[in-house]
Amino acid sequence: MKPFAIPLSRPDLSERELEAAARSVREGWLSWRAPWVRGFEERFAALCEVPHAVAVSSGTAALHATLLALGIQAGDEVLVPAFTFVAVPAAVRHAGATPVFVDSEPDTWCIDPALVEGAITPRTRGVVLVHQHGYPADVDRVNAIAARHGLWVVEDCAEAHFARHRGRAVGGLCRAGVFSFFANKLISGGEGGAVTTADPELAHQVRLRVNMGATPDAPYDFGVLGHSFRMSGLGAAVLCAQLDRLGEIRARRAEVFTRYDARFEGAPSVQRRPPLPWADPAPWLYSVLLPDRYRRDAAVAALRERGIEGRPFFKLLPDLAPYRGAGAPTGFPCARRLAETGLSLPTFGGLLPETIDRIASIVDEAAAGHHLAGGHA
């Protein structure tokens, strides 16, 4: 497939990251034993306002290892959003449990707290809530429900680096937080992930499971069944450089959001999430809803004709082959609408204002029905 002239996302890299990577190569510190792996963990934990962070190989590995450390077993159930990236239910399945899908709420696009309690069964062990497309979920409500039923809550922060919920950093609001540092995230090491927690024993159990079950300071003493989920020294070096430039990276992405907001102000057919007083979202991907699937697909096609990547939202998880038949009779109406009408637009530092204006014009025209064919309206 021909690369897009304007991709959906692009890592915000500089000479600082290049020098960090070069140092890692020059000094031969490519593995997880590189000293800056632990340095990254300490810095990232502080930013998430927790005492512990464990660096891992991906966001999926972070969630998988956390579920194992929490004692998930075959026959257990874990509540997850019906609308999110497939890694969430996949990690639950790989840990031996069954994902139970819960519909989204329209304002945050995150799991609907009002529906969580009704999905709990005697086999439910916990909830994975996802801060969807940079917007924090209503954590306090979910935590309160979980506490009443003796359940743990894990927050998936893969798309919401450094977002805040009622003034508190995501990643430190529940039993654990999990992060991804894939190339399209706010900060990236190409790949990579992290688990954050205030619980020292949970951090210890996660660390065992990401390092093949090896007991610290006891070579080849494997006390539990583990995986090779370690972060590379090379990736950690780049991530440390990204943290050095965090203010600049966030500001550049925020400028893109501000420009899109201004451009879509007064566009009745383009729906943005409403601001909520308790939520400080992260500038991940600028995403909107269009009136229906036909207009969303028309917008995607119109953008691609001009070499611009626009990405439809994730498919509804209960519609995917590995999870088909796990749906509720209601069919997850909010999550389905998100999946069918949502569109993410190019979002990265350095995106020119005139390019943002051109993208917004194309989307606005499609949302108003100007690009439709076949009589759909």
Protein backbone atom coordinates (compact mmCIF):
# COMPACT_ATOMS: atom_id res chain seq x y z
CA MET A 1 0.00 0.00 0.00
CA LYS A 2 1.33 3.42 -0.94
CA PRO A 3 2.28 5.51 2.12
CA PHE A 4 0.07 8.47 2.90
CA ALA A 5 1.53 11.89 2.22
CA ILE A 6 -0.11 12.94 5.50
CA PRO A 7 -0.25 9.94 7.89
CA LEU A 8 -2.53 9.58 10.87
CA SER A 9 0.34 9.93 13.30
CA ARG A 10 4.08 10.41 13.35
CA PRO A 11 6.47 10.11 16.31
CA ASP A 12 7.75 13.46 17.58
CA LEU A 13 11.51 12.80 17.42
CA SER A 14 14.56 15.02 17.57
CA GLU A 15 18.35 14.90 17.78
CA ARG A 16 17.97 14.15 21.49
CA GLU A 17 16.30 10.80 20.77
CA LEU A 18 18.89 10.05 18.07
CA GLU A 19 21.74 10.69 20.49
CA ALA A 20 20.06 8.58 23.19
CA ALA A 21 19.71 5.67 20.78
CA ALA A 22 23.29 6.08 19.59
CA ARG A 23 24.54 6.04 23.19
CA SER A 24 22.64 2.82 23.81
CA VAL A 25 24.33 1.25 20.80
CA ARG A 26 27.80 2.66 21.55
CA GLU A 27 27.75 1.45 25.13
CA GLY A 28 26.24 -1.93 24.26
CA TRP A 29 23.23 -1.52 26.53
CA LEU A 30 20.48 -2.93 24.31
CA SER A 31 18.73 -5.29 26.72
CA TRP A 32 16.48 -4.71 29.71
CA ARG A 33 19.56 -4.55 31.93
CA ALA A 34 20.44 -1.07 30.62
CA PRO A 35 20.54 1.37 33.56
CA TRP A 36 18.14 3.76 31.87
CA VAL A 37 15.36 1.15 31.94
CA ARG A 38 15.10 1.60 35.69
CA GLY A 39 15.64 5.33 35.24
CA PHE A 40 12.66 5.49 32.91
CA GLU A 41 10.56 3.50 35.38
CA GLU A 42 11.33 5.95 38.19
CA ARG A 43 10.59 9.03 36.10
CA PHE A 44 7.40 7.61 34.63
CA ALA A 45 6.10 6.51 38.04
CA ALA A 46 6.61 10.04 39.35
CA LEU A 47 4.66 11.51 36.44
CA CYS A 48 1.81 9.10 37.17
CA GLU A 49 2.00 10.02 40.87
CA VAL A 50 2.64 6.45 42.04
CA PRO A 51 5.70 4.84 43.66
CA HIS A 52 6.06 1.95 41.22
CA ALA A 53 6.32 1.46 37.44
CA VAL A 54 7.44 -1.66 35.62
CA ALA A 55 8.69 -1.22 32.04
CA VAL A 56 7.52 -3.90 29.61
CA SER A 57 7.59 -4.71 25.90
CA SER A 58 4.11 -3.46 24.92
CA GLY A 59 0.79 -2.24 26.27
CA THR A 60 -0.72 -5.66 25.63
CA ALA A 61 2.08 -7.28 27.64
CA ALA A 62 1.45 -4.77 30.42
CA LEU A 63 -2.20 -5.76 30.70
CA HIS A 64 -1.50 -9.49 30.33
CA ALA A 65 1.17 -9.46 33.06
CA THR A 66 -1.06 -7.40 35.37
CA LEU A 67 -3.95 -9.82 35.02
CA LEU A 68 -1.64 -12.74 35.80
CA ALA A 69 -0.22 -10.90 38.81
CA LEU A 70 -3.77 -10.29 40.06
CA GLY A 71 -4.37 -14.04 40.05
CA ILE A 72 -6.75 -14.41 37.10
CA GLN A 73 -7.67 -18.03 36.46
CA ALA A 74 -9.70 -20.07 34.00
CA GLY A 75 -13.41 -19.55 34.57
CA ASP A 76 -13.01 -16.00 35.85
CA GLU A 77 -14.77 -13.09 34.14
CA VAL A 78 -13.43 -9.58 33.56
CA LEU A 79 -15.64 -6.67 32.50
CA VAL A 80 -14.26 -4.72 29.53
CA PRO A 81 -15.65 -2.05 27.17
CA ALA A 82 -17.43 -3.26 24.04
CA PHE A 83 -15.70 -0.42 22.19
CA THR A 84 -11.94 -0.33 22.50
CA PHE A 85 -8.81 -1.82 20.92
CA VAL A 86 -8.82 -5.62 20.60
CA ALA A 87 -5.75 -5.96 22.86
CA VAL A 88 -7.99 -5.56 25.92
CA PRO A 89 -10.19 -8.66 25.53
CA ALA A 90 -7.25 -10.52 23.98
CA ALA A 91 -5.17 -10.03 27.12
CA VAL A 92 -8.08 -11.28 29.22
CA ARG A 93 -8.41 -14.39 27.04
CA HIS A 94 -4.65 -15.05 27.04
CA ALA A 95 -4.71 -14.88 30.83
CA GLY A 96 -7.32 -17.67 30.80
CA ALA A 97 -10.40 -15.60 31.69
CA THR A 98 -13.52 -14.56 29.81
CA PRO A 99 -14.11 -10.94 28.73
CA VAL A 100 -17.63 -9.67 29.41
CA PHE A 101 -18.51 -6.65 27.31
CA VAL A 102 -20.15 -3.49 28.65
CA ASP A 103 -21.56 -0.66 26.55
CA SER A 104 -19.98 2.80 26.33
CA GLU A 105 -21.35 6.13 27.50
CA PRO A 106 -21.89 8.87 24.89
CA ASP A 107 -19.92 11.73 26.47
CA THR A 108 -16.62 10.05 27.31
CA TRP A 109 -16.81 7.08 24.87
CA CYS A 110 -15.54 5.00 27.82
CA ILE A 111 -17.20 2.15 29.71
CA ASP A 112 -20.60 3.20 31.07
CA PRO A 113 -20.51 3.06 34.90
CA ALA A 114 -24.31 2.85 34.98
CA LEU A 115 -24.12 -0.55 33.26
CA VAL A 116 -21.17 -2.05 35.11
CA GLU A 117 -23.07 -3.31 38.14
CA GLY A 118 -25.63 -5.13 36.00
CA ALA A 119 -22.86 -7.07 34.22
CA ILE A 120 -21.33 -8.45 37.44
CA THR A 121 -21.80 -12.18 38.11
CA PRO A 122 -20.42 -14.52 40.79
CA ARG A 123 -17.49 -15.23 38.45
CA THR A 124 -16.52 -11.58 37.95
CA ARG A 125 -13.07 -10.76 39.33
CA GLY A 126 -12.44 -7.25 38.05
CA VAL A 127 -12.94 -4.46 35.54
CA VAL A 128 -10.62 -3.11 32.88
CA LEU A 129 -11.69 0.44 32.13
CA VAL A 130 -10.08 2.18 29.18
CA HIS A 131 -9.41 5.90 28.94
CA GLN A 132 -10.67 5.96 25.38
CA HIS A 133 -9.08 8.17 22.71
CA GLY A 134 -7.36 10.23 25.38
CA TYR A 135 -10.46 10.92 27.49
CA PRO A 136 -10.47 9.65 31.08
CA ALA A 137 -13.25 7.30 32.09
CA ASP A 138 -15.41 8.09 35.12
CA VAL A 139 -13.04 6.22 37.43
CA ASP A 140 -14.58 7.17 40.76
CA ARG A 141 -17.97 5.68 39.86
CA VAL A 142 -16.43 2.44 38.61
CA ASN A 143 -14.16 2.18 41.66
CA ALA A 144 -17.13 2.62 43.99
CA ILE A 145 -19.08 -0.18 42.28
CA ALA A 146 -16.04 -2.46 42.29
CA ALA A 147 -15.43 -1.83 45.99
CA ARG A 148 -18.99 -2.84 46.86
CA HIS A 149 -18.46 -6.18 45.11
CA GLY A 150 -14.87 -6.85 46.16
CA LEU A 151 -13.47 -6.44 42.63
CA TRP A 152 -10.22 -4.88 41.42
CA VAL A 153 -10.06 -2.26 38.67
CA VAL A 154 -7.27 -1.82 36.14
CA GLU A 155 -7.13 1.35 34.07
CA ASP A 156 -5.87 1.08 30.50
CA CYS A 157 -4.08 4.36 29.78
CA ALA A 158 -2.57 3.36 26.43
CA GLU A 159 -4.26 6.27 24.64
CA ALA A 160 -4.27 8.76 27.49
CA HIS A 161 -0.72 9.49 28.66
CA PHE A 162 -0.80 12.07 31.46
CA ALA A 163 -4.53 12.78 31.26
CA ARG A 164 -6.09 13.75 34.59
CA HIS A 165 -9.31 12.76 36.34
CA ARG A 166 -10.53 15.24 38.93
CA GLY A 167 -7.02 16.63 39.18
CA ARG A 168 -5.30 13.25 39.59
CA ALA A 169 -3.05 11.57 37.05
CA VAL A 170 -4.36 8.50 35.24
CA GLY A 171 -2.34 5.40 35.98
CA GLY A 172 -2.60 5.94 39.72
CA LEU A 173 -6.36 5.89 40.22
CA CYS A 174 -6.99 2.13 40.46
CA ARG A 175 -5.22 -1.04 41.53
CA ALA A 176 -2.95 -0.68 38.49
CA GLY A 177 -2.56 1.28 35.28
CA VAL A 178 -1.21 -0.01 31.98
CA PHE A 179 0.40 2.04 29.21
CA SER A 180 1.56 1.58 25.62
CA PHE A 181 4.45 3.39 23.96
CA PHE A 182 3.66 2.32 20.40
CA ALA A 183 4.76 4.70 17.65
CA ASN A 184 1.43 6.58 17.49
CA LYS A 185 1.28 7.36 21.20
CA LEU A 186 2.06 10.72 22.83
CA ILE A 187 5.52 9.45 23.80
CA SER A 188 7.03 6.45 22.09
CA GLY A 189 9.97 4.10 22.05
CA GLY A 190 8.69 2.47 18.87
CA GLU A 191 7.17 -0.24 21.04
CA GLY A 192 7.06 -0.68 24.81
CA GLY A 193 4.68 -0.37 27.71
CA ALA A 194 4.49 0.07 31.47
CA VAL A 195 2.51 -1.00 34.51
CA THR A 196 1.98 1.58 37.25
CA THR A 197 0.74 0.92 40.77
CA ALA A 198 0.88 2.07 44.37
CA ASP A 199 0.94 -1.56 45.54
CA PRO A 200 4.52 -2.81 46.07
CA GLU A 201 3.50 -6.47 46.12
CA LEU A 202 1.60 -6.15 42.86
CA ALA A 203 4.61 -4.40 41.28
CA HIS A 204 6.79 -7.30 42.48
CA GLN A 205 4.41 -9.90 41.04
CA VAL A 206 4.25 -8.08 37.70
CA ARG A 207 8.03 -7.84 37.58
CA LEU A 208 8.31 -11.60 38.12
CA ARG A 209 5.94 -12.33 35.29
CA VAL A 210 7.56 -10.06 32.72
CA ASN A 211 11.00 -11.58 33.39
CA MET A 212 10.22 -15.29 32.88
CA GLY A 213 9.30 -15.67 36.55
CA ALA A 214 12.88 -15.08 37.68
CA THR A 215 13.33 -14.23 41.35
CA PRO A 216 15.30 -10.96 41.71
CA ASP A 217 18.94 -11.42 42.68
CA ALA A 218 18.65 -15.21 42.35
CA PRO A 219 19.81 -16.24 38.85
CA TYR A 220 17.81 -19.05 37.26
CA ASP A 221 15.47 -19.37 40.22
CA PHE A 222 12.10 -19.24 38.45
CA GLY A 223 9.43 -19.15 41.12
CA VAL A 224 6.39 -18.56 38.92
CA LEU A 225 5.43 -19.13 35.29
CA GLY A 226 6.40 -15.98 33.42
CA HIS A 227 6.89 -14.43 29.99
CA SER A 228 9.64 -12.54 28.22
CA PHE A 229 7.85 -9.18 28.33
CA ARG A 230 10.88 -6.98 29.11
CA MET A 231 11.47 -3.52 27.62
CA SER A 232 14.65 -3.16 25.57
CA GLY A 233 17.42 -0.81 26.65
CA LEU A 234 17.26 0.85 23.24
CA GLY A 235 13.55 1.59 23.62
CA ALA A 236 14.04 2.89 27.15
CA ALA A 237 16.82 5.22 25.97
CA VAL A 238 14.49 6.78 23.39
CA LEU A 239 11.68 7.04 25.94
CA CYS A 240 13.95 8.84 28.41
CA ALA A 241 14.73 11.38 25.71
CA GLN A 242 11.00 11.71 25.02
CA LEU A 243 10.41 12.50 28.70
CA ASP A 244 13.10 15.18 28.46
CA ARG A 245 10.97 16.82 25.75
CA LEU A 246 7.56 16.02 27.22
CA GLY A 247 6.44 19.64 27.60
CA GLU A 248 7.32 20.41 24.00
CA ILE A 249 5.67 17.25 22.64
CA ARG A 250 2.44 17.85 24.53
CA ALA A 251 2.31 21.51 23.54
CA ARG A 252 2.73 20.70 19.84
CA ARG A 253 -0.07 18.15 19.91
CA ALA A 254 -2.29 20.49 21.93
CA GLU A 255 -1.86 23.13 19.23
CA VAL A 256 -3.18 20.66 16.67
CA PHE A 257 -6.23 19.99 18.85
CA THR A 258 -6.86 23.70 19.29
CA ARG A 259 -6.74 24.29 15.54
CA TYR A 260 -9.16 21.43 14.82
CA ASP A 261 -11.51 22.66 17.57
CA ALA A 262 -11.57 26.13 16.07
CA ARG A 263 -12.13 24.76 12.59
CA PHE A 264 -15.05 22.50 13.62
CA GLU A 265 -16.68 25.14 15.80
CA GLY A 266 -20.13 25.67 14.32
CA ALA A 267 -19.97 22.55 12.12
CA PRO A 268 -23.33 20.96 13.04
CA SER A 269 -22.65 17.62 11.37
CA VAL A 270 -19.31 17.01 13.13
CA GLN A 271 -19.76 15.90 16.73
CA ARG A 272 -16.97 16.38 19.27
CA ARG A 273 -16.92 15.12 22.83
CA PRO A 274 -18.25 17.74 25.22
CA PRO A 275 -15.84 19.14 27.81
CA LEU A 276 -16.50 17.75 31.28
CA PRO A 277 -15.41 19.67 34.40
CA TRP A 278 -13.66 16.67 35.96
CA ALA A 279 -11.73 15.53 32.88
CA ASP A 280 -8.43 16.82 31.49
CA PRO A 281 -7.95 14.71 28.33
CA ALA A 282 -4.68 13.82 26.63
CA PRO A 283 -4.04 15.07 23.08
CA TRP A 284 -3.71 11.64 21.47
CA LEU A 285 -5.67 11.46 18.19
CA TYR A 286 -8.20 14.13 17.26
CA SER A 287 -11.41 12.17 16.81
CA VAL A 288 -14.98 13.05 15.88
CA LEU A 289 -18.33 11.42 15.15
CA LEU A 290 -20.18 11.92 11.87
CA PRO A 291 -23.95 11.56 11.41
CA ASP A 292 -23.83 7.98 10.07
CA ARG A 293 -21.56 5.27 8.72
CA TYR A 294 -22.03 6.36 5.08
CA ARG A 295 -20.78 9.88 5.75
CA ARG A 296 -17.91 8.59 7.87
CA ASP A 297 -16.85 6.22 5.10
CA ALA A 298 -17.22 9.00 2.54
CA ALA A 299 -14.93 11.19 4.62
CA VAL A 300 -12.33 8.41 4.83
CA ALA A 301 -12.46 7.92 1.06
CA ALA A 302 -12.26 11.66 0.33
CA LEU A 303 -9.24 12.04 2.58
CA ARG A 304 -7.47 9.05 1.04
CA GLU A 305 -8.02 10.37 -2.46
CA ARG A 306 -5.90 13.33 -1.38
CA GLY A 307 -3.16 11.26 0.26
CA ILE A 308 -4.45 11.89 3.81
CA GLU A 309 -4.97 9.08 6.29
CA GLY A 310 -8.22 9.16 8.22
CA ARG A 311 -8.85 6.14 10.43
CA PRO A 312 -12.30 4.74 11.20
CA PHE A 313 -12.82 3.81 14.82
CA PHE A 314 -12.21 0.26 16.06
CA LYS A 315 -14.83 -2.31 15.14
CA LEU A 316 -17.31 -3.33 17.81
CA LEU A 317 -15.55 -6.10 19.73
CA PRO A 318 -18.53 -8.52 19.96
CA ASP A 319 -18.68 -8.41 16.14
CA LEU A 320 -15.14 -9.79 15.78
CA ALA A 321 -14.75 -13.52 15.12
CA PRO A 322 -12.97 -14.44 18.39
CA TYR A 323 -15.70 -12.75 20.47
CA ARG A 324 -18.83 -13.24 18.37
CA GLY A 325 -21.81 -14.36 20.37
CA ALA A 326 -20.62 -12.64 23.55
CA GLY A 327 -22.98 -9.72 23.03
CA ALA A 328 -25.94 -8.60 25.07
CA PRO A 329 -29.51 -8.54 23.65
CA THR A 330 -29.34 -4.74 23.47
CA GLY A 331 -26.47 -4.93 21.00
CA PHE A 332 -24.41 -2.20 22.70
CA PRO A 333 -26.11 0.78 21.01
CA CYS A 334 -23.65 3.47 22.09
CA ALA A 335 -20.55 1.40 21.35
CA ARG A 336 -21.97 0.41 17.96
CA ARG A 337 -22.63 4.02 17.04
CA LEU A 338 -19.06 4.93 17.97
CA ALA A 339 -17.67 2.07 15.90
CA GLU A 340 -19.78 2.94 12.88
CA THR A 341 -19.51 6.74 12.84
CA GLY A 342 -16.19 7.59 14.51
CA LEU A 343 -13.21 9.02 12.64
CA SER A 344 -9.68 9.87 13.83
CA LEU A 345 -7.77 12.56 11.95
CA PRO A 346 -4.03 13.18 11.48
CA THR A 347 -2.58 14.34 14.79
CA PHE A 348 1.12 14.93 15.30
CA GLY A 349 3.47 17.76 16.15
CA GLY A 350 4.47 19.80 13.15
CA LEU A 351 1.18 19.37 11.29
CA LEU A 352 0.77 22.70 9.50
CA PRO A 353 -2.27 24.90 10.29
CA GLU A 354 -3.22 25.10 6.62
CA THR A 355 -3.10 21.30 6.40
CA ILE A 356 -5.41 21.00 9.40
CA ASP A 357 -7.79 23.46 7.75
CA ARG A 358 -7.80 21.41 4.54
CA ILE A 359 -8.46 18.17 6.43
CA ALA A 360 -11.28 19.79 8.39
CA SER A 361 -12.88 21.13 5.21
CA ILE A 362 -12.90 17.68 3.64
CA VAL A 363 -14.46 16.13 6.73
CA ASP A 364 -17.00 18.93 7.08
CA GLU A 365 -18.12 18.51 3.49
CA ALA A 366 -18.47 14.75 3.87
CA ALA A 367 -20.37 15.14 7.15
CA ALA A 368 -22.79 17.47 5.40
CA GLY A 369 -23.41 14.80 2.73
CA HIS A 370 -21.48 16.40 -0.14
CA HIS A 371 -19.39 13.28 -0.88
CA LEU A 372 -22.15 10.69 -0.69
CA ALA A 373 -22.93 8.36 -3.53
CA GLY A 374 -25.71 5.84 -4.02
CA GLY A 375 -28.43 7.92 -2.46
CA HIS A 376 -27.52 7.47 1.19
CA ALA A 377 -28.25 10.44 3.43
